[in-house]
Amino acid sequence: MKRQDFAYQLPDDLIASQPLDNRTDSRLMVIHPGQPFAHRQVSDLPSLIRAGDVVVANNTRVFPARLFGAKASGGRIEVMIERLLSEHAVRAFVKASKSPKEGAVLQMDGGFELTITGRDGDLFLLESDPSLRILEMAEAHGHIPLPPYIKRDDTASDRERYQTVFAKDSGAVAAPTAGLHIDESMIQAIKEQGATWCEVTLHVGAGTFNPVRVDDLSEHQMHGEWYNISPEVCETIQEARATGRRIIAIGTTTMRCLEGSAAANGGQIKAGSDETSIFITPGYQFNVIDVLFTNFHLPESTLLMLVSAFGGYERMMAAYQEAVREGYRFFSYGDACLMTRDPEASHAS
């Protein structure tokens, strides 16, 4: 398929730039194969979950990865951390009027310094003084890295709302946005339905916003992301699959974690940490996920390609057209959909 196959027209006023008052206030489109689209509320999600289901969420924590400062010449710079490499080293995008060179010392707002030690493609490698932890400096002086389609500066409220209530392990520079709809009472309601709630970690990278620039999808270079699956979660999922119970992914990052692990290990997920650069497009053989809860994604994006592979290309493109007609709110702070895997999509058992 071609990149243009995933284009759709979206009015600007349907791009959600602010979250709703309550996490569960969003609308929910339910997409089941062979059935009309149903229009519900996110607060209905627990009622759509069955006893025995395993609900898996991504507990990565977003940190304030956007930093500002100046070069020695005085020119202003912006550092967007793409990944924490260690306590004292990061890989980052650096925006400046003139690209800084290796060895340059950047004077960051907040009174600390970062030194450019090299390049990694379009990214810069930066290090701090060994006495400083970059994550601590970012937490104190950085800004929440809102997606580029949200045309406003971050605010203090974004530190709470652009974060899931179950976030634990700092390392993401973008939120696993499906999880933004869920609060503590919903997690409890899901458990009361007889489902198992469990969590994995995938640190969402800035590459999640990279556009697909090639027409032939086989030529697209997918970004890599670090993930971890605990032995307990791995065992829970494997037991559920063996007994025919559903695995429900909260968000595409959870799917990338579990399907990425399975793809790397002969169709079975494996406990431990690794990196995945899995690129899921129509025709992909799903190994783990039966149901996906996710937001509405950008035109021609890798995430729209992923949901089209899962829910069926024609059905999902029709669902997006329906969402536009019905005035759904799109992207990170927008509404959600719950979809069952299309049985006609490839599936590996």
C-alpha atoms as a PDB file:
ATOM      1  CA  MET A   1       0.000   0.000   0.000  1.00  0.00           C
ATOM      2  CA  LYS A   2       1.027   3.606  -0.476  1.00  0.00           C
ATOM      3  CA  ARG A   3       1.247   6.449   2.017  1.00  0.00           C
ATOM      4  CA  GLN A   4      -1.555   8.295   0.206  1.00  0.00           C
ATOM      5  CA  ASP A   5      -3.925   5.396   0.910  1.00  0.00           C
ATOM      6  CA  PHE A   6      -4.074   6.645   4.509  1.00  0.00           C
ATOM      7  CA  ALA A   7      -4.981  10.270   3.772  1.00  0.00           C
ATOM      8  CA  TYR A   8      -8.196  11.818   5.021  1.00  0.00           C
ATOM      9  CA  GLN A   9      -9.522  15.353   5.373  1.00  0.00           C
ATOM     10  CA  LEU A  10      -9.682  16.700   8.925  1.00  0.00           C
ATOM     11  CA  PRO A  11     -11.051  20.161   9.774  1.00  0.00           C
ATOM     12  CA  ASP A  12      -8.688  22.068  12.059  1.00  0.00           C
ATOM     13  CA  ASP A  13     -11.425  22.631  14.607  1.00  0.00           C
ATOM     14  CA  LEU A  14     -11.576  18.883  15.317  1.00  0.00           C
ATOM     15  CA  ILE A  15      -7.967  18.813  16.566  1.00  0.00           C
ATOM     16  CA  ALA A  16      -8.196  18.819  20.359  1.00  0.00           C
ATOM     17  CA  SER A  17      -5.737  21.312  21.817  1.00  0.00           C
ATOM     18  CA  GLN A  18      -7.039  21.048  25.393  1.00  0.00           C
ATOM     19  CA  PRO A  19      -8.138  18.061  27.486  1.00  0.00           C
ATOM     20  CA  LEU A  20     -11.717  17.827  28.696  1.00  0.00           C
ATOM     21  CA  ASP A  21     -12.481  18.533  32.351  1.00  0.00           C
ATOM     22  CA  ASN A  22     -12.519  14.863  33.307  1.00  0.00           C
ATOM     23  CA  ARG A  23     -10.464  12.040  31.811  1.00  0.00           C
ATOM     24  CA  THR A  24     -13.488   9.831  31.146  1.00  0.00           C
ATOM     25  CA  ASP A  25     -15.626  12.566  29.535  1.00  0.00           C
ATOM     26  CA  SER A  26     -14.489  11.767  25.980  1.00  0.00           C
ATOM     27  CA  ARG A  27     -16.635  10.076  23.380  1.00  0.00           C
ATOM     28  CA  LEU A  28     -16.002   6.481  22.339  1.00  0.00           C
ATOM     29  CA  MET A  29     -16.633   4.912  18.947  1.00  0.00           C
ATOM     30  CA  VAL A  30     -17.027   1.143  19.144  1.00  0.00           C
ATOM     31  CA  ILE A  31     -15.863  -0.667  16.019  1.00  0.00           C
ATOM     32  CA  HIS A  32     -16.707  -4.363  15.725  1.00  0.00           C
ATOM     33  CA  PRO A  33     -16.380  -6.324  12.455  1.00  0.00           C
ATOM     34  CA  GLY A  34     -19.702  -6.758  10.673  1.00  0.00           C
ATOM     35  CA  GLN A  35     -21.562  -4.318  12.936  1.00  0.00           C
ATOM     36  CA  PRO A  36     -22.531  -0.658  12.566  1.00  0.00           C
ATOM     37  CA  PHE A  37     -20.308   1.822  14.370  1.00  0.00           C
ATOM     38  CA  ALA A  38     -21.650   2.507  17.867  1.00  0.00           C
ATOM     39  CA  HIS A  39     -21.287   5.875  19.573  1.00  0.00           C
ATOM     40  CA  ARG A  40     -20.698   5.641  23.313  1.00  0.00           C
ATOM     41  CA  GLN A  41     -18.732   7.396  26.064  1.00  0.00           C
ATOM     42  CA  VAL A  42     -15.310   6.435  27.398  1.00  0.00           C
ATOM     43  CA  SER A  43     -17.003   6.013  30.778  1.00  0.00           C
ATOM     44  CA  ASP A  44     -18.776   2.993  29.204  1.00  0.00           C
ATOM     45  CA  LEU A  45     -15.484   1.160  28.659  1.00  0.00           C
ATOM     46  CA  PRO A  46     -15.693  -1.139  31.717  1.00  0.00           C
ATOM     47  CA  SER A  47     -19.113  -2.400  30.568  1.00  0.00           C
ATOM     48  CA  LEU A  48     -17.526  -3.470  27.270  1.00  0.00           C
ATOM     49  CA  ILE A  49     -14.931  -5.622  29.037  1.00  0.00           C
ATOM     50  CA  ARG A  50     -15.601  -9.258  29.894  1.00  0.00           C
ATOM     51  CA  ALA A  51     -14.668 -11.377  32.861  1.00  0.00           C
ATOM     52  CA  GLY A  52     -11.391 -13.113  32.080  1.00  0.00           C
ATOM     53  CA  ASP A  53     -10.084 -10.378  29.784  1.00  0.00           C
ATOM     54  CA  VAL A  54      -6.519  -9.203  30.328  1.00  0.00           C
ATOM     55  CA  VAL A  55      -6.248  -5.428  29.978  1.00  0.00           C
ATOM     56  CA  VAL A  56      -2.698  -4.216  29.373  1.00  0.00           C
ATOM     57  CA  ALA A  57      -1.569  -0.583  29.680  1.00  0.00           C
ATOM     58  CA  ASN A  58       1.722   1.259  29.168  1.00  0.00           C
ATOM     59  CA  ASN A  59       2.944   2.788  32.442  1.00  0.00           C
ATOM     60  CA  THR A  60       5.732   4.907  30.961  1.00  0.00           C
ATOM     61  CA  ARG A  61       6.048   8.382  32.438  1.00  0.00           C
ATOM     62  CA  VAL A  62       6.463  11.520  30.308  1.00  0.00           C
ATOM     63  CA  PHE A  63       9.211  13.841  31.508  1.00  0.00           C
ATOM     64  CA  PRO A  64       9.657  17.533  30.570  1.00  0.00           C
ATOM     65  CA  ALA A  65      11.899  16.762  27.604  1.00  0.00           C
ATOM     66  CA  ARG A  66      11.851  20.182  25.914  1.00  0.00           C
ATOM     67  CA  LEU A  67      14.683  22.405  27.164  1.00  0.00           C
ATOM     68  CA  PHE A  68      15.755  25.888  26.144  1.00  0.00           C
ATOM     69  CA  GLY A  69      19.097  27.646  26.339  1.00  0.00           C
ATOM     70  CA  ALA A  70      21.779  29.427  24.352  1.00  0.00           C
ATOM     71  CA  LYS A  71      24.987  28.747  22.479  1.00  0.00           C
ATOM     72  CA  ALA A  72      28.215  30.445  23.545  1.00  0.00           C
ATOM     73  CA  SER A  73      27.520  33.039  20.836  1.00  0.00           C
ATOM     74  CA  GLY A  74      24.255  33.935  22.561  1.00  0.00           C
ATOM     75  CA  GLY A  75      21.998  32.417  19.902  1.00  0.00           C
ATOM     76  CA  ARG A  76      18.949  30.715  21.380  1.00  0.00           C
ATOM     77  CA  ILE A  77      18.554  26.948  21.060  1.00  0.00           C
ATOM     78  CA  GLU A  78      15.903  24.365  21.806  1.00  0.00           C
ATOM     79  CA  VAL A  79      16.818  20.857  22.893  1.00  0.00           C
ATOM     80  CA  MET A  80      14.162  18.171  22.489  1.00  0.00           C
ATOM     81  CA  ILE A  81      15.389  15.026  24.219  1.00  0.00           C
ATOM     82  CA  GLU A  82      14.577  11.933  22.193  1.00  0.00           C
ATOM     83  CA  ARG A  83      15.998   9.385  24.638  1.00  0.00           C
ATOM     84  CA  LEU A  84      17.742   9.231  27.994  1.00  0.00           C
ATOM     85  CA  LEU A  85      20.901   7.187  27.405  1.00  0.00           C
ATOM     86  CA  SER A  86      22.154   7.378  30.999  1.00  0.00           C
ATOM     87  CA  GLU A  87      21.902   9.711  33.972  1.00  0.00           C
ATOM     88  CA  HIS A  88      24.326  12.070  32.254  1.00  0.00           C
ATOM     89  CA  ALA A  89      23.809  11.477  28.515  1.00  0.00           C
ATOM     90  CA  VAL A  90      20.922  11.971  26.090  1.00  0.00           C
ATOM     91  CA  ARG A  91      20.137  11.798  22.402  1.00  0.00           C
ATOM     92  CA  ALA A  92      18.236  14.859  21.246  1.00  0.00           C
ATOM     93  CA  PHE A  93      17.059  17.117  18.484  1.00  0.00           C
ATOM     94  CA  VAL A  94      18.719  20.532  18.672  1.00  0.00           C
ATOM     95  CA  LYS A  95      17.000  23.462  16.988  1.00  0.00           C
ATOM     96  CA  ALA A  96      19.194  26.511  16.343  1.00  0.00           C
ATOM     97  CA  SER A  97      19.716  29.152  13.673  1.00  0.00           C
ATOM     98  CA  LYS A  98      23.055  27.467  12.927  1.00  0.00           C
ATOM     99  CA  SER A  99      23.710  23.855  13.836  1.00  0.00           C
ATOM    100  CA  PRO A 100      26.175  23.604  16.753  1.00  0.00           C
ATOM    101  CA  LYS A 101      29.327  21.540  16.326  1.00  0.00           C
ATOM    102  CA  GLU A 102      30.807  18.726  18.377  1.00  0.00           C
ATOM    103  CA  GLY A 103      32.396  20.073  21.531  1.00  0.00           C
ATOM    104  CA  ALA A 104      30.033  23.037  21.772  1.00  0.00           C
ATOM    105  CA  VAL A 105      28.831  23.817  25.292  1.00  0.00           C
ATOM    106  CA  LEU A 106      25.184  24.827  25.565  1.00  0.00           C
ATOM    107  CA  GLN A 107      24.149  27.111  28.427  1.00  0.00           C
ATOM    108  CA  MET A 108      20.727  25.820  29.421  1.00  0.00           C
ATOM    109  CA  ASP A 109      17.986  27.795  31.121  1.00  0.00           C
ATOM    110  CA  GLY A 110      18.188  26.875  34.787  1.00  0.00           C
ATOM    111  CA  GLY A 111      21.941  27.356  34.982  1.00  0.00           C
ATOM    112  CA  PHE A 112      23.328  24.013  33.816  1.00  0.00           C
ATOM    113  CA  GLU A 113      25.387  23.036  30.796  1.00  0.00           C
ATOM    114  CA  LEU A 114      25.129  20.350  28.142  1.00  0.00           C
ATOM    115  CA  THR A 115      28.069  19.485  25.896  1.00  0.00           C
ATOM    116  CA  ILE A 116      27.625  18.129  22.382  1.00  0.00           C
ATOM    117  CA  THR A 117      29.724  14.970  22.110  1.00  0.00           C
ATOM    118  CA  GLY A 118      28.706  13.719  18.671  1.00  0.00           C
ATOM    119  CA  ARG A 119      25.914  12.986  16.217  1.00  0.00           C
ATOM    120  CA  ASP A 120      23.591  10.084  15.570  1.00  0.00           C
ATOM    121  CA  GLY A 121      22.067  10.831  12.190  1.00  0.00           C
ATOM    122  CA  ASP A 122      19.809  13.868  12.599  1.00  0.00           C
ATOM    123  CA  LEU A 123      20.154  13.684  16.365  1.00  0.00           C
ATOM    124  CA  PHE A 124      22.807  15.121  18.674  1.00  0.00           C
ATOM    125  CA  LEU A 125      24.509  13.328  21.562  1.00  0.00           C
ATOM    126  CA  LEU A 126      24.745  15.519  24.650  1.00  0.00           C
ATOM    127  CA  GLU A 127      26.288  15.024  28.082  1.00  0.00           C
ATOM    128  CA  SER A 128      26.090  16.862  31.379  1.00  0.00           C
ATOM    129  CA  ASP A 129      28.637  17.289  34.135  1.00  0.00           C
ATOM    130  CA  PRO A 130      28.874  13.972  36.066  1.00  0.00           C
ATOM    131  CA  SER A 131      27.607  15.753  39.163  1.00  0.00           C
ATOM    132  CA  LEU A 132      24.269  16.484  37.474  1.00  0.00           C
ATOM    133  CA  ARG A 133      21.451  14.141  36.474  1.00  0.00           C
ATOM    134  CA  ILE A 134      19.845  15.349  33.251  1.00  0.00           C
ATOM    135  CA  LEU A 135      16.441  13.957  34.218  1.00  0.00           C
ATOM    136  CA  GLU A 136      16.497  16.030  37.421  1.00  0.00           C
ATOM    137  CA  MET A 137      17.432  19.150  35.432  1.00  0.00           C
ATOM    138  CA  ALA A 138      14.625  18.461  32.973  1.00  0.00           C
ATOM    139  CA  GLU A 139      12.082  17.951  35.758  1.00  0.00           C
ATOM    140  CA  ALA A 140      13.118  21.272  37.310  1.00  0.00           C
ATOM    141  CA  HIS A 141      13.565  23.428  34.207  1.00  0.00           C
ATOM    142  CA  GLY A 142      12.065  21.618  31.208  1.00  0.00           C
ATOM    143  CA  HIS A 143       8.733  21.875  29.419  1.00  0.00           C
ATOM    144  CA  ILE A 144       6.202  19.143  28.654  1.00  0.00           C
ATOM    145  CA  PRO A 145       6.751  18.201  24.981  1.00  0.00           C
ATOM    146  CA  LEU A 146       3.257  18.670  23.619  1.00  0.00           C
ATOM    147  CA  PRO A 147       2.739  17.235  20.119  1.00  0.00           C
ATOM    148  CA  PRO A 148       3.493  19.602  17.229  1.00  0.00           C
ATOM    149  CA  TYR A 149      -0.170  19.770  16.174  1.00  0.00           C
ATOM    150  CA  ILE A 150      -1.118  21.394  19.505  1.00  0.00           C
ATOM    151  CA  LYS A 151      -0.453  25.014  18.630  1.00  0.00           C
ATOM    152  CA  ARG A 152       0.115  26.456  22.092  1.00  0.00           C
ATOM    153  CA  ASP A 153       2.732  26.563  24.816  1.00  0.00           C
ATOM    154  CA  ASP A 154       2.584  23.956  27.552  1.00  0.00           C
ATOM    155  CA  THR A 155       1.024  24.959  30.865  1.00  0.00           C
ATOM    156  CA  ALA A 156       1.319  23.744  34.438  1.00  0.00           C
ATOM    157  CA  SER A 157      -1.860  21.682  33.978  1.00  0.00           C
ATOM    158  CA  ASP A 158      -0.254  19.710  31.132  1.00  0.00           C
ATOM    159  CA  ARG A 159       2.171  18.175  33.634  1.00  0.00           C
ATOM    160  CA  GLU A 160      -0.792  16.382  35.155  1.00  0.00           C
ATOM    161  CA  ARG A 161      -3.131  15.877  32.181  1.00  0.00           C
ATOM    162  CA  TYR A 162      -0.490  14.858  29.587  1.00  0.00           C
ATOM    163  CA  GLN A 163       0.309  11.969  31.916  1.00  0.00           C
ATOM    164  CA  THR A 164      -1.570   8.780  32.741  1.00  0.00           C
ATOM    165  CA  VAL A 165      -2.695   8.225  36.332  1.00  0.00           C
ATOM    166  CA  PHE A 166      -0.699   4.957  36.329  1.00  0.00           C
ATOM    167  CA  ALA A 167       2.565   6.452  34.992  1.00  0.00           C
ATOM    168  CA  LYS A 168       5.594   5.122  36.879  1.00  0.00           C
ATOM    169  CA  ASP A 169       8.873   4.907  34.947  1.00  0.00           C
ATOM    170  CA  SER A 170      10.179   8.199  33.464  1.00  0.00           C
ATOM    171  CA  GLY A 171      11.562   7.987  29.956  1.00  0.00           C
ATOM    172  CA  ALA A 172       8.824   8.918  27.472  1.00  0.00           C
ATOM    173  CA  VAL A 173       8.834  12.146  25.485  1.00  0.00           C
ATOM    174  CA  ALA A 174       5.258  11.630  24.289  1.00  0.00           C
ATOM    175  CA  ALA A 175       2.299  10.299  26.230  1.00  0.00           C
ATOM    176  CA  PRO A 176       0.668   6.919  25.596  1.00  0.00           C
ATOM    177  CA  THR A 177      -2.452   8.912  24.887  1.00  0.00           C
ATOM    178  CA  ALA A 178      -5.131   6.212  25.092  1.00  0.00           C
ATOM    179  CA  GLY A 179      -4.250   5.906  28.763  1.00  0.00           C
ATOM    180  CA  LEU A 180      -5.052   9.595  29.326  1.00  0.00           C
ATOM    181  CA  HIS A 181      -8.761   8.639  29.281  1.00  0.00           C
ATOM    182  CA  ILE A 182      -8.476   6.322  32.274  1.00  0.00           C
ATOM    183  CA  ASP A 183      -8.714   7.286  35.938  1.00  0.00           C
ATOM    184  CA  GLU A 184      -8.359   5.255  39.138  1.00  0.00           C
ATOM    185  CA  SER A 185     -12.086   4.568  39.411  1.00  0.00           C
ATOM    186  CA  MET A 186     -12.157   3.142  35.888  1.00  0.00           C
ATOM    187  CA  ILE A 187      -9.259   0.804  36.651  1.00  0.00           C
ATOM    188  CA  GLN A 188     -11.209  -0.414  39.686  1.00  0.00           C
ATOM    189  CA  ALA A 189     -14.369  -0.857  37.574  1.00  0.00           C
ATOM    190  CA  ILE A 190     -12.406  -2.898  35.024  1.00  0.00           C
ATOM    191  CA  LYS A 191     -11.176  -5.194  37.803  1.00  0.00           C
ATOM    192  CA  GLU A 192     -14.709  -5.502  39.187  1.00  0.00           C
ATOM    193  CA  GLN A 193     -15.805  -6.801  35.765  1.00  0.00           C
ATOM    194  CA  GLY A 194     -13.556  -9.797  36.443  1.00  0.00           C
ATOM    195  CA  ALA A 195     -10.755  -8.641  34.141  1.00  0.00           C
ATOM    196  CA  THR A 196      -7.060  -8.555  34.980  1.00  0.00           C
ATOM    197  CA  TRP A 197      -5.290  -5.196  34.794  1.00  0.00           C
ATOM    198  CA  CYS A 198      -1.565  -5.334  34.104  1.00  0.00           C
ATOM    199  CA  GLU A 199       1.121  -2.968  32.869  1.00  0.00           C
ATOM    200  CA  VAL A 200       4.138  -2.950  30.593  1.00  0.00           C
ATOM    201  CA  THR A 201       6.582  -0.133  29.867  1.00  0.00           C
ATOM    202  CA  LEU A 202       7.437   1.324  26.474  1.00  0.00           C
ATOM    203  CA  HIS A 203       9.179   4.681  26.450  1.00  0.00           C
ATOM    204  CA  VAL A 204       7.478   6.574  23.642  1.00  0.00           C
ATOM    205  CA  GLY A 205      10.038   8.461  21.546  1.00  0.00           C
ATOM    206  CA  ALA A 206       9.800  11.699  19.606  1.00  0.00           C
ATOM    207  CA  GLY A 207       9.928   9.568  16.468  1.00  0.00           C
ATOM    208  CA  THR A 208       6.259   8.761  17.004  1.00  0.00           C
ATOM    209  CA  PHE A 209       5.546  12.156  15.390  1.00  0.00           C
ATOM    210  CA  ASN A 210       7.863  11.604  12.419  1.00  0.00           C
ATOM    211  CA  PRO A 211       5.861  11.784   9.189  1.00  0.00           C
ATOM    212  CA  VAL A 212       6.084   9.049   6.595  1.00  0.00           C
ATOM    213  CA  ARG A 213       7.999  10.768   3.798  1.00  0.00           C
ATOM    214  CA  VAL A 214       8.145   7.897   1.293  1.00  0.00           C
ATOM    215  CA  ASP A 215       5.287   6.729  -0.922  1.00  0.00           C
ATOM    216  CA  ASP A 216       6.325   3.064  -0.715  1.00  0.00           C
ATOM    217  CA  LEU A 217       5.750   1.962   2.890  1.00  0.00           C
ATOM    218  CA  SER A 218       8.411  -0.732   2.604  1.00  0.00           C
ATOM    219  CA  GLU A 219      10.980   2.061   2.385  1.00  0.00           C
ATOM    220  CA  HIS A 220       9.947   3.765   5.641  1.00  0.00           C
ATOM    221  CA  GLN A 221      12.519   3.554   8.443  1.00  0.00           C
ATOM    222  CA  MET A 222      10.662   3.093  11.728  1.00  0.00           C
ATOM    223  CA  HIS A 223      12.099   4.586  14.935  1.00  0.00           C
ATOM    224  CA  GLY A 224      13.096   2.284  17.777  1.00  0.00           C
ATOM    225  CA  GLU A 225      11.640   2.371  21.296  1.00  0.00           C
ATOM    226  CA  TRP A 226      12.768   0.668  24.519  1.00  0.00           C
ATOM    227  CA  TYR A 227      10.317  -1.583  26.337  1.00  0.00           C
ATOM    228  CA  ASN A 228      10.119  -3.904  29.321  1.00  0.00           C
ATOM    229  CA  ILE A 229       7.740  -6.778  30.085  1.00  0.00           C
ATOM    230  CA  SER A 230       7.867  -8.332  33.551  1.00  0.00           C
ATOM    231  CA  PRO A 231       7.845 -12.122  33.997  1.00  0.00           C
ATOM    232  CA  GLU A 232       4.511 -11.872  35.846  1.00  0.00           C
ATOM    233  CA  VAL A 233       2.808  -9.961  33.022  1.00  0.00           C
ATOM    234  CA  CYS A 234       4.308 -12.282  30.429  1.00  0.00           C
ATOM    235  CA  GLU A 235       2.923 -15.312  32.283  1.00  0.00           C
ATOM    236  CA  THR A 236      -0.521 -13.697  32.693  1.00  0.00           C
ATOM    237  CA  ILE A 237      -0.786 -12.964  28.976  1.00  0.00           C
ATOM    238  CA  GLN A 238       0.481 -16.379  27.912  1.00  0.00           C
ATOM    239  CA  GLU A 239      -2.031 -18.130  30.187  1.00  0.00           C
ATOM    240  CA  ALA A 240      -4.880 -15.998  28.843  1.00  0.00           C
ATOM    241  CA  ARG A 241      -3.944 -16.735  25.248  1.00  0.00           C
ATOM    242  CA  ALA A 242      -3.678 -20.467  25.983  1.00  0.00           C
ATOM    243  CA  THR A 243      -7.218 -20.482  27.401  1.00  0.00           C
ATOM    244  CA  GLY A 244      -8.749 -18.329  24.670  1.00  0.00           C
ATOM    245  CA  ARG A 245      -9.286 -15.193  26.764  1.00  0.00           C
ATOM    246  CA  ARG A 246      -9.000 -11.762  25.191  1.00  0.00           C
ATOM    247  CA  ILE A 247      -5.967  -9.508  25.416  1.00  0.00           C
ATOM    248  CA  ILE A 248      -6.998  -5.835  25.328  1.00  0.00           C
ATOM    249  CA  ALA A 249      -4.312  -3.245  24.609  1.00  0.00           C
ATOM    250  CA  ILE A 250      -4.730   0.243  26.035  1.00  0.00           C
ATOM    251  CA  GLY A 251      -3.091   2.180  23.223  1.00  0.00           C
ATOM    252  CA  THR A 252      -0.890   1.576  20.224  1.00  0.00           C
ATOM    253  CA  THR A 253       2.275   1.762  22.350  1.00  0.00           C
ATOM    254  CA  THR A 254       1.090  -1.222  24.377  1.00  0.00           C
ATOM    255  CA  MET A 255       0.419  -3.029  21.111  1.00  0.00           C
ATOM    256  CA  ARG A 256       3.873  -2.129  19.796  1.00  0.00           C
ATOM    257  CA  CYS A 257       5.428  -3.471  22.981  1.00  0.00           C
ATOM    258  CA  LEU A 258       3.601  -6.818  22.977  1.00  0.00           C
ATOM    259  CA  GLU A 259       3.503  -7.428  19.232  1.00  0.00           C
ATOM    260  CA  GLY A 260       7.124  -6.257  18.940  1.00  0.00           C
ATOM    261  CA  SER A 261       8.215  -8.769  21.558  1.00  0.00           C
ATOM    262  CA  ALA A 262       6.228 -11.547  19.909  1.00  0.00           C
ATOM    263  CA  ALA A 263       7.575 -10.721  16.442  1.00  0.00           C
ATOM    264  CA  ALA A 264      11.132 -10.925  17.800  1.00  0.00           C
ATOM    265  CA  ASN A 265      10.542 -14.237  19.597  1.00  0.00           C
ATOM    266  CA  GLY A 266       8.765 -16.539  17.177  1.00  0.00           C
ATOM    267  CA  GLY A 267       5.247 -15.376  17.981  1.00  0.00           C
ATOM    268  CA  GLN A 268       5.518 -15.637  21.774  1.00  0.00           C
ATOM    269  CA  ILE A 269       6.075 -12.637  24.008  1.00  0.00           C
ATOM    270  CA  LYS A 270       9.163 -12.817  26.188  1.00  0.00           C
ATOM    271  CA  ALA A 271       9.852 -11.230  29.543  1.00  0.00           C
ATOM    272  CA  GLY A 272      12.647  -8.693  29.770  1.00  0.00           C
ATOM    273  CA  SER A 273      13.834  -5.478  28.161  1.00  0.00           C
ATOM    274  CA  ASP A 274      14.525  -4.918  24.485  1.00  0.00           C
ATOM    275  CA  GLU A 275      13.974  -2.400  21.714  1.00  0.00           C
ATOM    276  CA  THR A 276      11.346  -2.579  19.015  1.00  0.00           C
ATOM    277  CA  SER A 277      11.108  -0.802  15.698  1.00  0.00           C
ATOM    278  CA  ILE A 278       8.099  -2.821  14.568  1.00  0.00           C
ATOM    279  CA  PHE A 279       6.135  -1.236  11.719  1.00  0.00           C
ATOM    280  CA  ILE A 280       2.599  -2.654  11.562  1.00  0.00           C
ATOM    281  CA  THR A 281       0.793  -2.198   8.256  1.00  0.00           C
ATOM    282  CA  PRO A 282      -2.138  -4.040   6.615  1.00  0.00           C
ATOM    283  CA  GLY A 283      -1.197  -7.676   6.141  1.00  0.00           C
ATOM    284  CA  TYR A 284       0.666  -7.915   9.446  1.00  0.00           C
ATOM    285  CA  GLN A 285       0.123 -11.183  11.334  1.00  0.00           C
ATOM    286  CA  PHE A 286      -1.084 -10.331  14.840  1.00  0.00           C
ATOM    287  CA  ASN A 287       0.165 -12.625  17.574  1.00  0.00           C
ATOM    288  CA  VAL A 288      -1.143 -11.180  20.831  1.00  0.00           C
ATOM    289  CA  ILE A 289      -3.809  -8.457  20.767  1.00  0.00           C
ATOM    290  CA  ASP A 290      -7.543  -9.106  20.306  1.00  0.00           C
ATOM    291  CA  VAL A 291      -9.017  -5.691  21.171  1.00  0.00           C
ATOM    292  CA  LEU A 292      -7.488  -2.213  20.945  1.00  0.00           C
ATOM    293  CA  PHE A 293      -8.508   0.974  22.775  1.00  0.00           C
ATOM    294  CA  THR A 294      -6.914   3.989  21.133  1.00  0.00           C
ATOM    295  CA  ASN A 295      -7.326   7.615  20.050  1.00  0.00           C
ATOM    296  CA  PHE A 296      -7.881   8.887  16.504  1.00  0.00           C
ATOM    297  CA  HIS A 297      -4.565   9.316  14.674  1.00  0.00           C
ATOM    298  CA  LEU A 298      -3.012  11.651  12.118  1.00  0.00           C
ATOM    299  CA  PRO A 299      -3.543  11.229   8.366  1.00  0.00           C
ATOM    300  CA  GLU A 300      -0.810   9.208   6.636  1.00  0.00           C
ATOM    301  CA  SER A 301       0.733   8.311  10.024  1.00  0.00           C
ATOM    302  CA  THR A 302       2.274   5.006  11.082  1.00  0.00           C
ATOM    303  CA  LEU A 303      -0.364   4.751  13.820  1.00  0.00           C
ATOM    304  CA  LEU A 304      -3.226   5.050  11.341  1.00  0.00           C
ATOM    305  CA  MET A 305      -1.521   2.299   9.345  1.00  0.00           C
ATOM    306  CA  LEU A 306      -1.343   0.185  12.519  1.00  0.00           C
ATOM    307  CA  VAL A 307      -5.063   0.526  13.341  1.00  0.00           C
ATOM    308  CA  SER A 308      -5.953  -0.140   9.698  1.00  0.00           C
ATOM    309  CA  ALA A 309      -4.001  -3.383   9.877  1.00  0.00           C
ATOM    310  CA  PHE A 310      -5.850  -4.329  13.070  1.00  0.00           C
ATOM    311  CA  GLY A 311      -9.399  -3.217  12.366  1.00  0.00           C
ATOM    312  CA  GLY A 312      -9.352  -3.691   8.601  1.00  0.00           C
ATOM    313  CA  TYR A 313      -8.355  -0.977   6.150  1.00  0.00           C
ATOM    314  CA  GLU A 314     -11.745  -0.218   4.618  1.00  0.00           C
ATOM    315  CA  ARG A 315     -13.562  -0.394   7.951  1.00  0.00           C
ATOM    316  CA  MET A 316     -11.107   1.943   9.682  1.00  0.00           C
ATOM    317  CA  MET A 317     -11.052   4.529   6.902  1.00  0.00           C
ATOM    318  CA  ALA A 318     -14.856   4.513   6.994  1.00  0.00           C
ATOM    319  CA  ALA A 319     -14.751   4.872  10.788  1.00  0.00           C
ATOM    320  CA  TYR A 320     -12.519   7.936  10.489  1.00  0.00           C
ATOM    321  CA  GLN A 321     -14.898   9.492   7.962  1.00  0.00           C
ATOM    322  CA  GLU A 322     -17.743   8.788  10.385  1.00  0.00           C
ATOM    323  CA  ALA A 323     -15.777  10.371  13.229  1.00  0.00           C
ATOM    324  CA  VAL A 324     -15.268  13.546  11.183  1.00  0.00           C
ATOM    325  CA  ARG A 325     -18.974  13.694  10.295  1.00  0.00           C
ATOM    326  CA  GLU A 326     -19.941  13.185  13.941  1.00  0.00           C
ATOM    327  CA  GLY A 327     -17.537  15.860  15.199  1.00  0.00           C
ATOM    328  CA  TYR A 328     -15.237  13.619  17.225  1.00  0.00           C
ATOM    329  CA  ARG A 329     -12.157  15.291  18.718  1.00  0.00           C
ATOM    330  CA  PHE A 330      -8.890  14.018  17.244  1.00  0.00           C
ATOM    331  CA  PHE A 331      -5.336  13.220  18.389  1.00  0.00           C
ATOM    332  CA  SER A 332      -3.692  13.260  21.832  1.00  0.00           C
ATOM    333  CA  TYR A 333      -6.329  15.155  23.838  1.00  0.00           C
ATOM    334  CA  GLY A 334      -9.178  13.884  21.650  1.00  0.00           C
ATOM    335  CA  ASP A 335     -11.776  11.124  21.729  1.00  0.00           C
ATOM    336  CA  ALA A 336     -11.218   7.375  21.545  1.00  0.00           C
ATOM    337  CA  CYS A 337     -12.297   4.213  19.792  1.00  0.00           C
ATOM    338  CA  LEU A 338     -12.506   0.590  20.838  1.00  0.00           C
ATOM    339  CA  MET A 339     -11.970  -1.918  18.073  1.00  0.00           C
ATOM    340  CA  THR A 340     -12.019  -5.676  17.778  1.00  0.00           C
ATOM    341  CA  ARG A 341      -9.450  -7.253  15.494  1.00  0.00           C
ATOM    342  CA  ASP A 342     -10.790  -7.887  12.014  1.00  0.00           C
ATOM    343  CA  PRO A 343     -10.948 -11.710  11.620  1.00  0.00           C
ATOM    344  CA  GLU A 344     -10.114 -11.263   7.947  1.00  0.00           C
ATOM    345  CA  ALA A 345      -6.816  -9.569   8.885  1.00  0.00           C
ATOM    346  CA  SER A 346      -3.823 -11.855   9.069  1.00  0.00           C
ATOM    347  CA  HIS A 347      -3.447 -13.629  12.404  1.00  0.00           C
ATOM    348  CA  ALA A 348      -0.800 -15.982  13.678  1.00  0.00           C
ATOM    349  CA  SER A 349      -1.951 -18.440  16.306  1.00  0.00           C
END
